[in-house]
Amino acid sequence: QVQLVESGGGLVQAGGSLRLSCEASGRTVSNYAVGWFRHTPGKEREFVSAISRSGSITYYTDSVKGRFTCSRDNAKNTVDLQMTNLRPNDTAIYYCAASRDRTSTYYKDYTYWGQGTQVTVSS
């Protein structure tokens, strides 16, 4: 199985940028599609972005299109989420997740999850 560890979260002012990284170990990340999800207390887990095994296909939720970019470096076993023009409602815990089966926007399609990294955007 694959283990995932997120990093790069923090506190940033609205309009700022952060780059989240998801590092995989145990298995090569090239065997997995990777998704990013976020969760805020009191709300359901929300899909943010997903990237196929090769990186040729990416998906984004509408609210982050044009602001977030998901990329991967299979040689380094990492998947990144570049977030720009951040807004207060982007505040959440961000998780990366891996799926052997499909590049999906549905969290139940993902088997392996990281522990999450907090992103806080102040107004």
Protein backbone atom coordinates (compact mmCIF):
# COMPACT_ATOMS: atom_id res chain seq x y z
CA GLN A 1 0.00 0.00 0.00
CA VAL A 2 1.01 3.62 -0.37
CA GLN A 3 1.48 6.13 2.44
CA LEU A 4 0.77 9.80 1.81
CA VAL A 5 2.03 12.85 3.66
CA GLU A 6 0.85 16.38 2.92
CA SER A 7 2.89 19.50 3.58
CA GLY A 8 2.86 23.17 2.68
CA GLY A 9 -0.19 24.40 4.52
CA GLY A 10 -0.20 27.55 6.61
CA LEU A 11 -1.67 30.97 7.20
CA VAL A 12 -1.87 33.39 4.29
CA GLN A 13 -3.71 36.60 3.53
CA ALA A 14 -6.45 36.71 0.93
CA GLY A 15 -4.93 36.99 -2.52
CA GLY A 16 -1.83 35.09 -1.48
CA SER A 17 -0.49 31.75 -2.60
CA LEU A 18 0.47 28.41 -1.12
CA ARG A 19 1.86 25.24 -2.63
CA LEU A 20 0.75 21.98 -1.08
CA SER A 21 2.77 18.85 -1.64
CA CYS A 22 1.72 15.22 -1.28
CA GLU A 23 4.64 12.84 -0.90
CA ALA A 24 4.09 9.14 -1.42
CA SER A 25 6.05 6.27 0.03
CA GLY A 26 5.69 2.51 0.12
CA ARG A 27 4.61 2.28 -3.51
CA THR A 28 5.44 4.41 -6.50
CA VAL A 29 2.89 7.16 -6.93
CA SER A 30 2.80 6.59 -10.69
CA ASN A 31 0.52 3.61 -10.01
CA TYR A 32 -2.16 5.88 -8.57
CA ALA A 33 -4.45 8.65 -9.55
CA VAL A 34 -4.33 11.33 -6.86
CA GLY A 35 -7.07 13.58 -5.63
CA TRP A 36 -7.14 16.61 -3.37
CA PHE A 37 -10.06 17.16 -1.03
CA ARG A 38 -10.75 19.66 1.71
CA HIS A 39 -12.82 19.62 4.83
CA THR A 40 -14.18 22.34 7.05
CA PRO A 41 -15.93 21.48 10.34
CA GLY A 42 -19.66 21.34 9.84
CA LYS A 43 -19.37 20.78 6.11
CA GLU A 44 -19.01 17.73 3.95
CA ARG A 45 -15.67 16.75 2.49
CA GLU A 46 -15.27 18.65 -0.78
CA PHE A 47 -13.49 17.62 -3.94
CA VAL A 48 -10.84 20.12 -5.04
CA SER A 49 -8.74 18.56 -7.79
CA ALA A 50 -7.59 15.25 -9.22
CA ILE A 51 -4.82 14.15 -11.54
CA SER A 52 -4.43 10.97 -13.55
CA ARG A 53 -1.50 8.57 -13.22
CA SER A 54 0.39 10.13 -16.09
CA GLY A 55 -0.65 13.68 -15.27
CA SER A 56 -2.31 14.10 -18.66
CA ILE A 57 -5.78 14.55 -17.16
CA THR A 58 -6.72 16.96 -14.39
CA TYR A 59 -10.04 17.89 -12.84
CA TYR A 60 -10.96 20.89 -10.71
CA THR A 61 -14.01 21.95 -8.83
CA ASP A 62 -15.51 25.09 -10.33
CA SER A 63 -14.60 27.35 -7.41
CA VAL A 64 -10.86 26.78 -7.88
CA LYS A 65 -10.61 26.71 -11.67
CA GLY A 66 -8.09 29.27 -12.87
CA ARG A 67 -6.63 29.62 -9.35
CA PHE A 68 -5.37 26.12 -8.45
CA THR A 69 -3.08 23.89 -10.50
CA CYS A 70 -2.45 20.23 -9.78
CA SER A 71 0.75 18.64 -11.05
CA ARG A 72 2.83 15.57 -10.38
CA ASP A 73 6.42 14.45 -10.57
CA ASN A 74 6.37 10.67 -10.64
CA ALA A 75 10.16 10.52 -10.49
CA LYS A 76 10.02 12.32 -7.14
CA ASN A 77 6.86 10.52 -5.99
CA THR A 78 5.10 13.80 -5.36
CA VAL A 79 1.87 15.49 -6.35
CA ASP A 80 1.54 19.22 -5.82
CA LEU A 81 -1.36 21.63 -5.60
CA GLN A 82 -0.40 25.20 -6.43
CA MET A 83 -2.99 27.56 -4.99
CA THR A 84 -3.09 31.21 -6.00
CA ASN A 85 -5.43 34.13 -5.33
CA LEU A 86 -6.58 32.40 -2.17
CA ARG A 87 -9.87 33.39 -0.59
CA PRO A 88 -11.11 33.10 3.00
CA ASN A 89 -13.55 30.37 1.95
CA ASP A 90 -10.59 28.25 0.81
CA THR A 91 -9.81 27.81 4.51
CA ALA A 92 -9.92 24.08 5.32
CA ILE A 93 -7.87 21.02 6.04
CA TYR A 94 -6.56 19.74 2.72
CA TYR A 95 -6.06 16.04 2.12
CA CYS A 96 -4.47 14.14 -0.71
CA ALA A 97 -5.72 10.67 -1.57
CA ALA A 98 -4.69 7.90 -3.94
CA SER A 99 -6.69 5.52 -6.10
CA ARG A 100 -5.46 2.62 -8.20
CA ASP A 101 -8.72 2.43 -10.11
CA ARG A 102 -9.72 5.80 -11.48
CA THR A 103 -9.22 9.55 -11.57
CA SER A 104 -12.31 10.51 -9.66
CA THR A 105 -14.03 13.47 -8.07
CA TYR A 106 -15.74 11.19 -5.53
CA TYR A 107 -13.94 10.68 -2.24
CA LYS A 108 -15.15 7.08 -1.82
CA ASP A 109 -13.16 6.08 -4.92
CA TYR A 110 -9.94 6.78 -3.02
CA THR A 111 -8.40 4.17 -0.79
CA TYR A 112 -5.35 5.83 0.71
CA TRP A 113 -5.37 9.17 2.51
CA GLY A 114 -2.86 11.49 4.07
CA GLN A 115 -3.27 13.09 7.49
CA GLY A 116 -4.13 16.51 6.07
CA THR A 117 -2.59 19.96 6.20
CA GLN A 118 -4.34 23.10 7.45
CA VAL A 119 -4.78 26.04 5.12
CA THR A 120 -6.05 29.27 6.67
CA VAL A 121 -6.77 32.34 4.56
CA SER A 122 -7.36 35.59 6.43
CA SER A 123 -9.40 38.44 5.02
